[in-house]
Amino acid sequence: MDEKMFVVCHMLSSLDGKIDGAFFGTSKAAASIKAYGELRNYYHCQATLYGTTTMLGGYADGKLEKSLPQDQYMLRDDWINKDGTCQRHFIYICREGPV
């Protein structure tokens, strides 16, 4: 399948613009959270970009106490999913340090 790359930008937030809080755990938010996930699937998103708050709240086990040694960082390379084995990528951006 030859498809052009594209970017879909969407955020789940409360009416007052907050993107984090106890409201995500309420039954009233369940339908919106479900629709948010379905939209990702509808567009066949291969990658999702997250910031620090989302990563710490849902995916990471916390921040690293210190940076990794230089030899443990990934080499700069082209990480395209050439063999098709990876179905979804998570991209994380943080100004504060490693998570």
Foldseek 3Di string as FASTA:
>chain_A
DDDDDDDDDDADDDPVRDRDDPVCVDPVCVVVVVVVVVVCVVVQAQEDEDEDVCCCVPPDPDFDPDDDPPVPDDDPDDPPPVVPPRRHYYHYDYPPHGD
